[in-house]
């Protein structure tokens, strides 16, 4: 095909790949005790492959630091969405953790991220 078709096909494949990773992450986060995921479900094809969450017993900064120590880079804070963070009651606790996925991310990275979060969830968890 022509270059335009090849680029459009590549972008479609990247979109599908990113969303398959985001779905894996979204489902995995929902299985970790104490994790609350914010935003529309990943199966909504109009959303970006970015997921925000909080973890009971840990500030977003603590979660981001622990993930960073494991070589997993995420963001924490309000992401300039100050009003919604306040409305959700998260302003005083540091906002949320945000994970953005890209075509270069892998399923292994998602599994490693979920594993680190599952271990972190055990800390301060009720016995």
N, C-alpha and C. Protein backbone atom coordinates (compact mmCIF):
# COMPACT_ATOMS: atom_id res chain seq x y z
N UNK A 1 0.82 -1.20 0.00
CA UNK A 1 0.00 0.00 0.00
C UNK A 1 0.85 1.24 0.00
N UNK A 2 0.17 2.36 0.00
CA UNK A 2 0.88 3.63 0.01
C UNK A 2 1.31 3.99 1.45
N UNK A 3 2.16 4.96 1.56
CA UNK A 3 2.72 5.35 2.85
C UNK A 3 1.63 5.76 3.84
N UNK A 4 0.63 6.49 3.39
CA UNK A 4 -0.47 6.92 4.26
C UNK A 4 -1.18 5.71 4.87
N UNK A 5 -1.46 4.70 4.08
CA UNK A 5 -2.12 3.49 4.56
C UNK A 5 -1.24 2.74 5.56
N UNK A 6 0.04 2.68 5.28
CA UNK A 6 0.96 1.99 6.18
C UNK A 6 1.04 2.70 7.54
N UNK A 7 1.07 4.03 7.52
CA UNK A 7 1.10 4.79 8.76
C UNK A 7 -0.20 4.61 9.54
N UNK A 8 -1.32 4.68 8.84
CA UNK A 8 -2.62 4.49 9.50
C UNK A 8 -2.72 3.10 10.11
N UNK A 9 -2.24 2.09 9.40
CA UNK A 9 -2.26 0.72 9.91
C UNK A 9 -1.36 0.60 11.14
N UNK A 10 -0.19 1.20 11.10
CA UNK A 10 0.73 1.14 12.24
C UNK A 10 0.11 1.83 13.46
N UNK A 11 -0.55 2.96 13.26
CA UNK A 11 -1.18 3.67 14.38
C UNK A 11 -2.34 2.86 14.96
N UNK A 12 -3.08 2.18 14.12
CA UNK A 12 -4.17 1.32 14.60
C UNK A 12 -3.61 0.17 15.43
N UNK A 13 -2.53 -0.43 14.96
CA UNK A 13 -1.92 -1.53 15.71
C UNK A 13 -1.34 -1.05 17.05
N UNK A 14 -0.74 0.14 17.08
CA UNK A 14 -0.23 0.70 18.34
C UNK A 14 -1.38 0.96 19.31
N UNK A 15 -2.46 1.52 18.81
CA UNK A 15 -3.63 1.80 19.63
C UNK A 15 -4.16 0.50 20.25
N UNK A 16 -4.31 -0.52 19.44
CA UNK A 16 -4.82 -1.80 19.94
C UNK A 16 -3.86 -2.42 20.96
N UNK A 17 -2.57 -2.33 20.71
CA UNK A 17 -1.59 -2.89 21.62
C UNK A 17 -1.61 -2.15 22.96
N UNK A 18 -1.58 -0.83 22.91
CA UNK A 18 -1.62 -0.04 24.15
C UNK A 18 -2.87 -0.34 24.96
N UNK A 19 -4.00 -0.47 24.27
CA UNK A 19 -5.25 -0.73 24.99
C UNK A 19 -5.31 -2.16 25.54
N UNK A 20 -4.65 -3.10 24.89
CA UNK A 20 -4.61 -4.44 25.47
C UNK A 20 -3.77 -4.42 26.76
N UNK A 21 -2.67 -3.68 26.77
CA UNK A 21 -1.87 -3.52 27.98
C UNK A 21 -2.66 -2.80 29.07
N UNK A 22 -3.36 -1.74 28.69
CA UNK A 22 -4.14 -0.99 29.66
C UNK A 22 -5.25 -1.86 30.26
N UNK A 23 -5.86 -2.70 29.47
CA UNK A 23 -6.87 -3.62 29.99
C UNK A 23 -6.29 -4.60 30.97
N UNK A 24 -5.12 -5.11 30.67
CA UNK A 24 -4.42 -6.03 31.58
C UNK A 24 -4.10 -5.33 32.90
N UNK A 25 -3.61 -4.10 32.81
CA UNK A 25 -3.30 -3.32 34.00
C UNK A 25 -4.56 -3.00 34.80
N UNK A 26 -5.60 -2.55 34.14
CA UNK A 26 -6.86 -2.19 34.79
C UNK A 26 -7.44 -3.38 35.55
N UNK A 27 -7.48 -4.53 34.90
CA UNK A 27 -8.02 -5.73 35.56
C UNK A 27 -7.13 -6.15 36.74
N UNK A 28 -5.82 -6.07 36.55
CA UNK A 28 -4.89 -6.44 37.61
C UNK A 28 -4.99 -5.52 38.82
N UNK A 29 -5.14 -4.24 38.58
CA UNK A 29 -5.28 -3.28 39.69
C UNK A 29 -6.53 -3.57 40.50
N UNK A 30 -7.60 -3.95 39.83
CA UNK A 30 -8.86 -4.22 40.52
C UNK A 30 -8.77 -5.45 41.42
N UNK A 31 -7.79 -6.30 41.20
CA UNK A 31 -7.62 -7.50 42.02
C UNK A 31 -6.75 -7.28 43.26
N UNK A 32 -6.11 -6.12 43.35
CA UNK A 32 -5.23 -5.84 44.48
C UNK A 32 -6.03 -5.18 45.59
N UNK A 33 -6.04 -5.79 46.78
CA UNK A 33 -6.79 -5.21 47.91
C UNK A 33 -6.32 -3.79 48.24
N UNK A 34 -7.28 -2.92 48.45
CA UNK A 34 -6.98 -1.55 48.84
C UNK A 34 -6.73 -0.60 47.69
N UNK A 35 -6.74 -1.08 46.45
CA UNK A 35 -6.53 -0.21 45.29
C UNK A 35 -7.88 0.29 44.78
N UNK A 36 -7.96 1.60 44.56
CA UNK A 36 -9.14 2.21 43.94
C UNK A 36 -8.70 2.82 42.62
N UNK A 37 -9.32 2.40 41.53
CA UNK A 37 -9.01 2.92 40.20
C UNK A 37 -10.02 4.01 39.87
N UNK A 38 -9.54 5.12 39.30
CA UNK A 38 -10.39 6.25 38.95
C UNK A 38 -10.50 6.38 37.44
N UNK A 39 -11.65 6.83 36.96
CA UNK A 39 -11.85 7.05 35.54
C UNK A 39 -12.72 5.99 34.92
N UNK A 40 -12.99 6.17 33.65
CA UNK A 40 -13.83 5.23 32.93
C UNK A 40 -13.10 3.92 32.71
N UNK A 41 -13.82 2.82 32.57
CA UNK A 41 -13.17 1.53 32.32
C UNK A 41 -12.33 1.55 31.05
N UNK A 42 -11.30 0.74 31.03
CA UNK A 42 -10.40 0.70 29.88
C UNK A 42 -11.10 0.20 28.63
N UNK A 43 -12.17 -0.56 28.78
CA UNK A 43 -12.85 -1.05 27.57
C UNK A 43 -13.57 0.07 26.82
N UNK A 44 -13.60 1.27 27.38
CA UNK A 44 -14.12 2.44 26.68
C UNK A 44 -13.05 2.86 25.66
N UNK A 45 -13.30 2.61 24.40
CA UNK A 45 -12.29 2.82 23.36
C UNK A 45 -11.92 4.29 23.15
N UNK A 46 -12.64 5.22 23.80
CA UNK A 46 -12.34 6.62 23.60
C UNK A 46 -11.32 7.16 24.60
N UNK A 47 -10.92 6.36 25.56
CA UNK A 47 -9.99 6.84 26.58
C UNK A 47 -8.55 6.59 26.18
N UNK A 48 -7.65 7.31 26.80
CA UNK A 48 -6.22 7.08 26.56
C UNK A 48 -5.77 5.91 27.43
N UNK A 49 -4.65 5.28 27.10
CA UNK A 49 -4.17 4.16 27.91
C UNK A 49 -3.41 4.66 29.15
N UNK A 50 -4.11 5.46 29.95
CA UNK A 50 -3.57 6.04 31.17
C UNK A 50 -4.52 5.72 32.30
N UNK A 51 -3.99 5.25 33.42
CA UNK A 51 -4.83 4.84 34.54
C UNK A 51 -4.35 5.53 35.81
N UNK A 52 -5.31 6.05 36.59
CA UNK A 52 -5.01 6.67 37.87
C UNK A 52 -5.62 5.85 38.99
N UNK A 53 -4.89 5.77 40.11
CA UNK A 53 -5.38 4.97 41.23
C UNK A 53 -4.80 5.47 42.54
N UNK A 54 -5.38 5.00 43.63
CA UNK A 54 -4.84 5.20 44.97
C UNK A 54 -4.74 3.84 45.63
N UNK A 55 -3.93 3.79 46.69
CA UNK A 55 -3.76 2.54 47.43
C UNK A 55 -3.92 2.83 48.92
N UNK A 56 -4.86 2.17 49.53
CA UNK A 56 -5.13 2.36 50.94
C UNK A 56 -3.88 2.10 51.77
N UNK A 57 -3.61 3.01 52.72
CA UNK A 57 -2.46 2.85 53.61
C UNK A 57 -1.16 3.40 53.07
N UNK A 58 -1.19 3.94 51.84
CA UNK A 58 0.03 4.46 51.21
C UNK A 58 -0.33 5.74 50.45
N UNK A 59 0.47 6.77 50.61
CA UNK A 59 0.25 7.98 49.83
C UNK A 59 0.66 7.72 48.38
N UNK A 60 0.14 8.50 47.45
CA UNK A 60 0.59 8.35 46.07
C UNK A 60 2.10 8.53 45.92
N UNK A 61 2.68 9.43 46.69
CA UNK A 61 4.13 9.62 46.62
C UNK A 61 4.87 8.37 47.08
N UNK A 62 4.37 7.71 48.13
CA UNK A 62 5.01 6.48 48.61
C UNK A 62 4.92 5.38 47.56
N UNK A 63 3.77 5.26 46.92
CA UNK A 63 3.58 4.25 45.88
C UNK A 63 4.52 4.53 44.71
N UNK A 64 4.57 5.79 44.27
CA UNK A 64 5.44 6.15 43.15
C UNK A 64 6.91 5.91 43.49
N UNK A 65 7.29 6.22 44.72
CA UNK A 65 8.68 5.99 45.13
C UNK A 65 9.02 4.50 45.11
N UNK A 66 8.13 3.68 45.64
CA UNK A 66 8.37 2.22 45.67
C UNK A 66 8.46 1.66 44.25
N UNK A 67 7.56 2.10 43.38
CA UNK A 67 7.62 1.64 41.99
C UNK A 67 8.91 2.11 41.33
N UNK A 68 9.32 3.36 41.60
CA UNK A 68 10.56 3.88 41.03
C UNK A 68 11.77 3.07 41.47
N UNK A 69 11.77 2.63 42.73
CA UNK A 69 12.86 1.80 43.23
C UNK A 69 12.94 0.48 42.46
N UNK A 70 11.82 0.08 41.86
CA UNK A 70 11.76 -1.17 41.08
C UNK A 70 11.94 -0.91 39.59
N UNK A 71 12.30 0.32 39.23
CA UNK A 71 12.51 0.65 37.83
C UNK A 71 11.23 0.87 37.05
N UNK A 72 10.15 1.19 37.77
CA UNK A 72 8.85 1.43 37.14
C UNK A 72 8.51 2.90 37.40
N UNK A 73 8.42 3.67 36.36
CA UNK A 73 8.26 5.11 36.51
C UNK A 73 6.82 5.53 36.26
N UNK A 74 6.26 6.17 37.27
CA UNK A 74 4.88 6.66 37.25
C UNK A 74 4.90 8.09 37.79
N UNK A 75 3.73 8.72 37.82
CA UNK A 75 3.60 10.07 38.34
C UNK A 75 2.65 10.04 39.53
N UNK A 76 2.80 11.00 40.41
CA UNK A 76 1.84 11.15 41.50
C UNK A 76 1.51 12.62 41.65
N UNK A 77 0.31 12.89 42.16
CA UNK A 77 -0.11 14.27 42.38
C UNK A 77 -1.50 14.52 41.86
N UNK A 78 -1.74 15.78 41.43
CA UNK A 78 -3.08 16.14 40.95
C UNK A 78 -3.14 16.32 39.44
N UNK A 79 -2.01 16.35 38.77
CA UNK A 79 -1.92 16.41 37.30
C UNK A 79 -2.70 17.59 36.73
N UNK A 80 -2.73 18.68 37.48
CA UNK A 80 -3.43 19.91 37.10
C UNK A 80 -4.94 19.73 37.09
N UNK A 81 -5.42 18.63 37.62
CA UNK A 81 -6.87 18.39 37.75
C UNK A 81 -7.27 18.65 39.20
N UNK A 82 -6.95 19.85 39.65
CA UNK A 82 -7.11 20.19 41.06
C UNK A 82 -8.55 20.05 41.52
N UNK A 83 -9.50 20.50 40.72
CA UNK A 83 -10.90 20.46 41.13
C UNK A 83 -11.39 19.04 41.32
N UNK A 84 -11.12 18.16 40.40
CA UNK A 84 -11.60 16.78 40.52
C UNK A 84 -10.90 16.06 41.67
N UNK A 85 -9.62 16.35 41.87
CA UNK A 85 -8.90 15.73 42.99
C UNK A 85 -9.51 16.18 44.31
N UNK A 86 -9.87 17.47 44.40
CA UNK A 86 -10.54 17.96 45.61
C UNK A 86 -11.91 17.32 45.76
N UNK A 87 -12.67 17.24 44.68
CA UNK A 87 -14.01 16.65 44.73
C UNK A 87 -13.98 15.18 45.13
N UNK A 88 -12.94 14.49 44.75
CA UNK A 88 -12.79 13.08 45.12
C UNK A 88 -12.26 12.91 46.54
N UNK A 89 -11.92 14.02 47.19
CA UNK A 89 -11.41 13.97 48.55
C UNK A 89 -9.97 13.50 48.64
N UNK A 90 -9.20 13.70 47.57
CA UNK A 90 -7.84 13.18 47.52
C UNK A 90 -6.77 14.27 47.65
N UNK A 91 -7.18 15.53 47.75
CA UNK A 91 -6.20 16.62 47.78
C UNK A 91 -5.30 16.55 49.01
N UNK A 92 -5.87 16.24 50.15
CA UNK A 92 -5.09 16.23 51.39
C UNK A 92 -4.18 15.01 51.52
N UNK A 93 -4.37 14.02 50.68
CA UNK A 93 -3.55 12.80 50.77
C UNK A 93 -2.57 12.69 49.60
N UNK A 94 -2.48 13.72 48.77
CA UNK A 94 -1.48 13.71 47.71
C UNK A 94 -1.97 13.37 46.33
N UNK A 95 -3.28 13.29 46.14
CA UNK A 95 -3.80 13.03 44.80
C UNK A 95 -3.87 11.56 44.45
N UNK A 96 -3.32 11.21 43.30
CA UNK A 96 -3.38 9.85 42.77
C UNK A 96 -2.03 9.46 42.17
N UNK A 97 -1.91 8.19 41.85
CA UNK A 97 -0.79 7.68 41.07
C UNK A 97 -1.31 7.55 39.64
N UNK A 98 -0.50 7.93 38.68
CA UNK A 98 -0.92 7.82 37.29
C UNK A 98 0.11 7.03 36.50
N UNK A 99 -0.40 6.07 35.73
CA UNK A 99 0.44 5.23 34.89
C UNK A 99 0.01 5.45 33.44
N UNK A 100 0.95 5.85 32.61
CA UNK A 100 0.67 6.03 31.19
C UNK A 100 1.42 4.97 30.39
N UNK A 101 0.72 4.35 29.47
CA UNK A 101 1.33 3.28 28.66
C UNK A 101 1.62 3.77 27.25
N UNK A 102 2.61 3.17 26.63
CA UNK A 102 3.05 3.53 25.29
C UNK A 102 3.37 2.25 24.52
N UNK A 103 3.56 2.36 23.21
CA UNK A 103 3.83 1.17 22.41
C UNK A 103 5.06 0.38 22.81
N UNK A 104 5.99 1.01 23.51
CA UNK A 104 7.21 0.30 23.90
C UNK A 104 7.07 -0.47 25.20
N UNK A 105 5.94 -0.32 25.93
CA UNK A 105 5.73 -1.09 27.15
C UNK A 105 5.40 -2.54 26.81
N UNK A 106 5.63 -3.44 27.78
CA UNK A 106 5.42 -4.86 27.54
C UNK A 106 4.49 -5.47 28.58
N UNK A 107 3.97 -6.65 28.28
CA UNK A 107 3.15 -7.38 29.24
C UNK A 107 3.96 -7.72 30.49
N UNK A 108 5.23 -8.05 30.31
CA UNK A 108 6.10 -8.36 31.46
C UNK A 108 6.21 -7.16 32.40
N UNK A 109 6.29 -5.96 31.84
CA UNK A 109 6.34 -4.76 32.68
C UNK A 109 5.05 -4.57 33.46
N UNK A 110 3.92 -4.83 32.83
CA UNK A 110 2.64 -4.72 33.52
C UNK A 110 2.59 -5.74 34.66
N UNK A 111 3.01 -6.96 34.38
CA UNK A 111 3.00 -8.00 35.42
C UNK A 111 3.93 -7.64 36.57
N UNK A 112 5.10 -7.08 36.26
CA UNK A 112 6.05 -6.68 37.31
C UNK A 112 5.47 -5.54 38.14
N UNK A 113 4.84 -4.58 37.49
CA UNK A 113 4.21 -3.47 38.20
C UNK A 113 3.13 -3.99 39.15
N UNK A 114 2.29 -4.87 38.67
CA UNK A 114 1.22 -5.44 39.50
C UNK A 114 1.79 -6.24 40.66
N UNK A 115 2.89 -6.94 40.43
CA UNK A 115 3.53 -7.71 41.49
C UNK A 115 4.06 -6.80 42.59
N UNK A 116 4.71 -5.71 42.21
CA UNK A 116 5.23 -4.76 43.20
C UNK A 116 4.08 -4.17 44.00
N UNK A 117 2.99 -3.80 43.32
CA UNK A 117 1.83 -3.23 44.03
C UNK A 117 1.18 -4.25 44.95
N UNK A 118 1.11 -5.51 44.53
CA UNK A 118 0.53 -6.55 45.38
C UNK A 118 1.36 -6.72 46.65
N UNK A 119 2.68 -6.67 46.53
CA UNK A 119 3.54 -6.75 47.71
C UNK A 119 3.37 -5.53 48.60
N UNK A 120 3.26 -4.36 47.99
CA UNK A 120 3.06 -3.13 48.75
C UNK A 120 1.72 -3.16 49.49
N UNK A 121 0.72 -3.75 48.87
CA UNK A 121 -0.61 -3.83 49.50
C UNK A 121 -0.58 -4.65 50.78
N UNK A 122 0.37 -5.57 50.88
CA UNK A 122 0.48 -6.41 52.08
C UNK A 122 1.01 -5.62 53.28
N UNK A 123 1.75 -4.53 52.99
CA UNK A 123 2.28 -3.69 54.06
C UNK A 123 1.14 -2.82 54.59
N UNK A 124 0.98 -2.80 55.87
CA UNK A 124 -0.09 -2.04 56.53
C UNK A 124 -1.47 -2.63 56.29
N UNK A 125 -1.54 -3.80 55.68
CA UNK A 125 -2.85 -4.43 55.47
C UNK A 125 -3.32 -5.06 56.78
N UNK A 126 -4.64 -5.05 57.02
CA UNK A 126 -5.15 -5.69 58.24
C UNK A 126 -4.81 -7.18 58.25
N UNK A 127 -4.46 -7.69 59.41
CA UNK A 127 -4.08 -9.11 59.53
C UNK A 127 -5.30 -10.00 59.54
